[in-house]
Amino acid sequence: MKLNKNVLSDRTLKIISLVIAIGLWLYVGQVQNPDIERTVKDVPVVFSQKSALEDKGLVLIDDNEHTIDIRIKGRRQYVYGVDSSTITVLADVSSLGSTGSHTLMTNVVLPYANLEIINKNPSVVAVTVDDLMEREFKVSVETEGTPKTDYIVGRTTSSLATITVKGPKSIVNGIEKVSAVVDVSSKTEDVALVSEFTVYGSNNKEIKSPYITLSEVSAEVRCEILKTKTVNLIPVFSGDVSQAMKFLPDSNNTKTVKIAGAPEVIDDITEISTKPIEESEINSNGEASAELSLPTGVRSLDGDSFIFRFSLKQNQEE
């Protein structure tokens, strides 16, 4: 039976097309997408099983500082689809059992199964282990800035009396205080807010460490802002001395005192008197120490007692 020439021609063309397609596929797969090698730099090391280390009372103090370079091999399209964010490098710390320096092997997890690890640099990571400790600190409230002229910072309070800091012994032992800081710049009224804690070491230097944790991150704090005022200080005598007028204030003995308190209290005060001075409290030189009689909510910025000097009435008349 004789085949039609057109049928033979169509069949031949189909075979030729198939051969060309296979050839192109092999070309693209082997020539255009060959196996290559590439180094991915600065891949961060993730330390696993930290809880097992903490159960032993230990902690790493440099686990955020390690990276390695990884050389991989595979098809071009996969190799160039990898970067430091798609590769996972694990280091298991559960086997560590003492403080000091240690080395750990790393396990690399690649995003594609058809990639091969050629080299890791470094092949191991060196870590430092410290004792894990907790320490309680009294919370202090500190201010920054200055209130408006004629105003000062009064009493400061915090909703938390103490706070616990947890972390490596070498860092925690260097902590001097934990403070809630409040800005009082140009203030004329009490300040109440939520303030985050700041940790300080020696020389009032702030400690910022990812290895320490605080039992609380902030507290409610309040700062009194007091108004100041300078007023005359008036000595008061006890009944016997006052009636007999045996002693009179020295004319050169005028005194003033600087006081502080809430504005609504301070504004109404024009003078401050002493507690009654007894005759027996005046010495042979005519001097007596007298304590101030301060209204509720008012404080003296110049001290709580003053020395007064007196003269005999008869000497004044002469």
Protein backbone atom coordinates (compact mmCIF):
# COMPACT_ATOMS: atom_id res chain seq x y z
CA MET A 1 0.00 0.00 0.00
CA LYS A 2 1.39 3.34 -1.08
CA LEU A 3 1.33 6.22 1.48
CA ASN A 4 0.35 9.68 0.46
CA LYS A 5 3.32 12.03 0.29
CA ASN A 6 1.45 14.67 2.32
CA VAL A 7 0.92 12.19 5.18
CA LEU A 8 4.63 11.36 5.26
CA SER A 9 5.48 15.03 5.24
CA ASP A 10 3.21 15.79 8.24
CA ARG A 11 4.60 12.88 10.23
CA THR A 12 8.17 13.94 9.52
CA LEU A 13 7.44 17.49 10.64
CA LYS A 14 5.95 16.30 13.91
CA ILE A 15 9.00 14.14 14.64
CA ILE A 16 11.35 16.97 13.84
CA SER A 17 9.33 19.35 16.10
CA LEU A 18 9.49 16.86 18.97
CA VAL A 19 13.24 16.48 18.61
CA ILE A 20 13.68 20.25 18.57
CA ALA A 21 11.48 20.64 21.69
CA ILE A 22 13.47 18.02 23.56
CA GLY A 23 16.68 19.69 22.51
CA LEU A 24 15.48 23.09 23.71
CA TRP A 25 14.39 21.62 27.02
CA LEU A 26 17.79 20.01 27.50
CA TYR A 27 19.50 23.25 26.49
CA VAL A 28 17.52 25.37 28.89
CA GLY A 29 17.87 22.84 31.69
CA GLN A 30 21.56 22.10 31.29
CA VAL A 31 23.03 25.16 29.60
CA GLN A 32 20.81 28.06 30.65
CA ASN A 33 20.21 26.70 34.21
CA PRO A 34 23.44 24.90 35.10
CA ASP A 35 24.73 23.97 38.57
CA ILE A 36 26.61 26.90 40.13
CA GLU A 37 28.15 27.79 43.48
CA ARG A 38 27.51 30.94 45.51
CA THR A 39 28.37 32.24 48.99
CA VAL A 40 25.57 33.71 51.08
CA LYS A 41 27.16 36.04 53.66
CA ASP A 42 26.20 37.05 57.19
CA VAL A 43 23.52 34.49 57.89
CA PRO A 44 22.44 34.97 61.56
CA VAL A 45 22.81 32.03 63.95
CA VAL A 46 19.68 31.14 65.93
CA PHE A 47 20.38 29.53 69.31
CA SER A 48 17.79 26.93 70.24
CA GLN A 49 16.89 25.26 73.55
CA LYS A 50 17.64 28.37 75.61
CA SER A 51 15.01 27.32 78.14
CA ALA A 52 17.01 24.16 78.86
CA LEU A 53 20.01 26.37 79.60
CA GLU A 54 17.99 28.64 81.88
CA ASP A 55 16.75 25.59 83.78
CA LYS A 56 20.38 25.07 84.77
CA GLY A 57 20.69 28.67 85.96
CA LEU A 58 22.76 29.68 82.94
CA VAL A 59 22.38 32.16 80.08
CA LEU A 60 24.20 33.13 76.86
CA ILE A 61 25.56 36.66 76.79
CA ASP A 62 26.48 36.97 73.10
CA ASP A 63 23.75 35.13 71.21
CA ASN A 64 22.78 38.12 69.05
CA GLU A 65 26.26 38.64 67.62
CA HIS A 66 26.93 35.53 65.52
CA THR A 67 26.68 35.15 61.75
CA ILE A 68 28.27 32.70 59.31
CA ASP A 69 28.94 32.59 55.56
CA ILE A 70 27.51 29.59 53.71
CA ARG A 71 28.64 28.40 50.26
CA ILE A 72 25.89 26.52 48.43
CA LYS A 73 25.65 24.64 45.12
CA GLY A 74 22.67 23.92 42.89
CA ARG A 75 20.75 25.01 39.82
CA ARG A 76 21.13 28.71 39.07
CA GLN A 77 17.45 29.56 39.55
CA TYR A 78 17.46 28.04 43.05
CA VAL A 79 20.86 29.32 44.12
CA TYR A 80 19.97 32.91 43.27
CA GLY A 81 16.60 32.53 45.00
CA VAL A 82 18.36 32.19 48.36
CA ASP A 83 19.56 34.96 50.71
CA SER A 84 20.42 35.34 54.40
CA SER A 85 16.74 35.67 55.34
CA THR A 86 15.70 32.34 53.74
CA ILE A 87 18.46 30.23 55.29
CA THR A 88 18.13 29.08 58.91
CA VAL A 89 21.24 28.35 60.96
CA LEU A 90 20.58 26.58 64.28
CA ALA A 91 22.88 26.02 67.25
CA ASP A 92 21.59 23.85 70.11
CA VAL A 93 22.73 25.09 73.54
CA SER A 94 21.05 22.41 75.66
CA SER A 95 24.31 20.48 76.04
CA LEU A 96 26.11 23.38 77.76
CA GLY A 97 26.45 22.98 81.49
CA SER A 98 28.94 25.53 82.85
CA THR A 99 29.94 29.17 82.64
CA GLY A 100 32.76 30.33 80.40
CA SER A 101 33.59 29.93 76.70
CA HIS A 102 32.23 27.07 74.59
CA THR A 103 32.05 26.07 70.90
CA LEU A 104 28.92 24.81 69.18
CA MET A 105 28.27 23.03 65.90
CA THR A 106 25.66 24.56 63.61
CA ASN A 107 22.89 22.96 61.57
CA VAL A 108 21.92 24.69 58.31
CA VAL A 109 18.40 24.43 56.93
CA LEU A 110 18.12 25.43 53.24
CA PRO A 111 14.84 26.49 51.61
CA TYR A 112 15.20 24.05 48.67
CA ALA A 113 16.00 20.33 48.91
CA ASN A 114 18.07 20.30 45.70
CA LEU A 115 20.69 22.67 47.11
CA GLU A 116 23.98 21.44 48.55
CA ILE A 117 26.13 22.99 51.27
CA ILE A 118 29.74 23.22 50.13
CA ASN A 119 31.24 25.10 53.07
CA LYS A 120 30.42 26.95 56.31
CA ASN A 121 32.64 29.73 57.60
CA PRO A 122 33.13 29.51 60.50
CA SER A 123 32.33 25.85 60.87
CA VAL A 124 31.63 26.28 64.61
CA VAL A 125 30.60 29.27 66.75
CA ALA A 126 32.20 30.34 70.01
CA VAL A 127 29.79 31.45 72.77
CA THR A 128 30.07 32.72 76.33
CA VAL A 129 27.86 31.41 79.12
CA ASP A 130 27.21 33.27 82.36
CA ASP A 131 25.23 32.60 85.53
CA LEU A 132 21.60 33.68 85.31
CA MET A 133 20.53 35.80 88.27
CA GLU A 134 17.66 37.92 89.55
CA ARG A 135 18.07 41.03 91.65
CA GLU A 136 15.52 43.38 93.21
CA PHE A 137 15.97 47.14 92.98
CA LYS A 138 14.14 50.00 94.63
CA VAL A 139 12.41 52.11 92.01
CA SER A 140 13.58 55.73 91.96
CA VAL A 141 11.81 58.60 90.24
CA GLU A 142 14.16 61.08 88.57
CA THR A 143 13.39 64.32 86.80
CA GLU A 144 14.95 65.98 83.82
CA GLY A 145 14.62 69.62 82.93
CA THR A 146 13.67 72.51 85.23
CA PRO A 147 10.22 73.79 86.24
CA LYS A 148 9.23 77.36 85.47
CA THR A 149 10.96 80.16 87.44
CA ASP A 150 9.85 80.26 91.11
CA TYR A 151 8.76 76.60 90.97
CA ILE A 152 10.58 73.49 92.17
CA VAL A 153 10.06 69.72 92.15
CA GLY A 154 8.53 68.45 95.37
CA ARG A 155 7.72 64.90 96.39
CA THR A 156 7.92 62.16 93.74
CA THR A 157 6.07 58.85 93.94
CA SER A 158 5.84 55.64 91.91
CA SER A 159 3.10 53.00 91.71
CA LEU A 160 5.86 50.38 92.07
CA ALA A 161 8.21 50.37 95.04
CA THR A 162 10.58 47.71 93.69
CA ILE A 163 11.36 45.95 90.43
CA THR A 164 13.19 42.70 89.62
CA VAL A 165 15.88 42.54 86.96
CA LYS A 166 16.82 39.18 85.44
CA GLY A 167 19.85 38.49 83.28
CA PRO A 168 23.54 37.53 83.16
CA LYS A 169 25.33 37.97 86.46
CA SER A 170 28.09 40.07 84.89
CA ILE A 171 25.53 42.63 83.67
CA VAL A 172 23.06 42.60 86.57
CA ASN A 173 25.84 43.11 89.13
CA GLY A 174 26.83 46.27 87.26
CA ILE A 175 23.40 47.88 87.70
CA GLU A 176 23.29 50.72 90.21
CA LYS A 177 19.64 51.77 89.97
CA VAL A 178 16.40 51.49 88.02
CA SER A 179 14.57 54.78 87.50
CA ALA A 180 11.38 56.16 86.04
CA VAL A 181 12.33 59.46 84.39
CA VAL A 182 9.92 62.41 84.17
CA ASP A 183 10.37 65.61 82.16
CA VAL A 184 9.38 68.65 84.27
CA SER A 185 10.62 71.36 81.92
CA SER A 186 8.71 74.66 82.44
CA LYS A 187 6.03 72.94 84.52
CA THR A 188 3.85 74.85 86.99
CA GLU A 189 1.52 72.00 87.98
CA ASP A 190 1.93 68.46 89.26
CA VAL A 191 2.96 65.91 86.62
CA ALA A 192 1.32 62.47 86.52
CA LEU A 193 2.10 59.97 83.76
CA VAL A 194 3.23 56.44 82.90
CA SER A 195 7.00 56.31 82.55
CA GLU A 196 9.16 53.48 81.20
CA PHE A 197 12.07 52.35 83.36
CA THR A 198 15.67 53.23 82.59
CA VAL A 199 18.52 51.07 83.92
CA TYR A 200 21.73 52.79 85.06
CA GLY A 201 25.21 51.58 85.86
CA SER A 202 28.12 53.41 87.44
CA ASN A 203 28.61 57.12 86.71
CA ASN A 204 24.90 57.34 85.93
CA LYS A 205 25.50 55.69 82.54
CA GLU A 206 22.45 54.08 80.97
CA ILE A 207 22.63 50.31 80.41
CA LYS A 208 20.92 49.11 77.24
CA SER A 209 21.23 45.34 76.99
CA PRO A 210 19.05 42.77 75.18
CA TYR A 211 20.14 40.19 77.75
CA ILE A 212 18.31 41.67 80.75
CA THR A 213 14.56 41.62 81.39
CA LEU A 214 12.54 43.63 83.90
CA SER A 215 9.56 42.30 85.82
CA GLU A 216 7.69 45.45 84.72
CA VAL A 217 8.55 47.86 81.92
CA SER A 218 6.84 50.97 83.31
CA ALA A 219 5.08 52.52 86.29
CA GLU A 220 2.65 55.31 87.09
CA VAL A 221 4.61 58.21 88.56
CA ARG A 222 3.71 61.57 90.03
CA CYS A 223 5.87 64.64 90.63
CA GLU A 224 4.76 67.55 92.80
CA ILE A 225 5.49 70.96 91.35
CA LEU A 226 5.69 73.49 94.20
CA LYS A 227 5.65 77.28 94.08
CA THR A 228 8.31 79.15 96.05
CA LYS A 229 8.13 82.45 97.84
CA THR A 230 10.31 84.51 100.20
CA VAL A 231 8.51 85.96 103.25
CA ASN A 232 9.44 87.64 106.51
CA LEU A 233 10.25 85.46 109.52
CA ILE A 234 8.69 86.63 112.77
CA PRO A 235 9.95 85.36 116.18
CA VAL A 236 7.19 84.59 118.68
CA PHE A 237 7.73 84.70 122.46
CA SER A 238 6.10 82.60 125.12
CA GLY A 239 3.50 84.24 127.37
CA ASP A 240 5.86 85.27 130.21
CA VAL A 241 8.46 86.79 127.92
CA SER A 242 5.85 88.57 125.83
CA GLN A 243 4.06 90.10 128.82
CA ALA A 244 7.18 91.22 130.62
CA MET A 245 8.70 92.42 127.34
CA LYS A 246 11.98 91.58 128.97
CA PHE A 247 13.61 90.80 125.65
CA LEU A 248 13.17 92.53 122.33
CA PRO A 249 14.43 91.51 118.87
CA ASP A 250 17.69 93.08 117.84
CA SER A 251 17.00 95.76 115.22
CA ASN A 252 19.69 94.21 113.02
CA ASN A 253 18.17 90.78 113.28
CA THR A 254 15.52 90.94 110.53
CA LYS A 255 15.15 87.57 108.83
CA THR A 256 13.38 86.11 105.81
CA VAL A 257 12.69 82.52 104.83
CA LYS A 258 12.07 80.90 101.47
CA ILE A 259 9.09 78.55 101.51
CA ALA A 260 7.49 76.17 99.03
CA GLY A 261 4.06 74.63 98.67
CA ALA A 262 1.01 74.35 96.48
CA PRO A 263 0.31 77.68 94.73
CA GLU A 264 -3.14 78.04 96.31
CA VAL A 265 -1.52 77.80 99.77
CA ILE A 266 1.62 79.85 99.16
CA ASP A 267 -0.18 82.80 97.57
CA ASP A 268 -2.03 83.59 100.83
CA ILE A 269 1.06 83.55 103.08
CA THR A 270 2.79 86.86 103.88
CA GLU A 271 4.96 85.80 106.82
CA ILE A 272 6.09 82.78 108.82
CA SER A 273 6.38 82.80 112.61
CA THR A 274 8.43 80.66 114.95
CA LYS A 275 7.23 78.38 117.65
CA PRO A 276 7.07 80.24 121.03
CA ILE A 277 10.48 81.06 122.46
CA GLU A 278 10.86 80.49 126.20
CA GLU A 279 12.98 82.80 128.34
CA SER A 280 15.07 79.82 129.42
CA GLU A 281 16.01 79.17 125.79
CA ILE A 282 17.79 82.54 125.49
CA ASN A 283 21.45 82.26 126.45
CA SER A 284 23.68 84.83 128.14
CA ASN A 285 24.60 86.31 124.79
CA GLY A 286 20.97 87.03 124.04
CA GLU A 287 20.68 84.25 121.44
CA ALA A 288 18.00 81.59 121.01
CA SER A 289 17.32 78.89 118.46
CA ALA A 290 13.70 78.72 117.35
CA GLU A 291 11.88 76.22 115.17
CA LEU A 292 9.50 77.41 112.47
CA SER A 293 5.75 77.05 112.76
CA LEU A 294 4.91 76.01 109.21
CA PRO A 295 1.35 75.67 107.90
CA THR A 296 0.25 72.27 106.63
CA GLY A 297 1.62 71.59 103.16
CA VAL A 298 4.35 74.22 103.41
CA ARG A 299 8.07 73.52 103.68
CA SER A 300 11.06 75.72 104.36
CA LEU A 301 13.87 75.70 101.82
CA ASP A 302 16.22 77.41 104.30
CA GLY A 303 16.02 74.92 107.15
CA ASP A 304 13.62 74.24 110.00
CA SER A 305 15.19 76.39 112.73
CA PHE A 306 16.92 79.77 113.00
CA ILE A 307 19.14 81.56 115.50
CA PHE A 308 17.74 84.84 116.85
CA ARG A 309 19.57 87.49 118.87
CA PHE A 310 17.79 89.62 121.49
CA SER A 311 18.52 92.66 123.71
CA LEU A 312 17.19 93.64 127.13
CA LYS A 313 14.35 96.12 127.11
CA GLN A 314 16.15 98.36 129.52
CA ASN A 315 19.12 98.52 127.16
CA GLN A 316 16.80 99.45 124.30
CA GLU A 317 15.33 102.31 126.41
CA GLU A 318 18.74 103.64 127.25
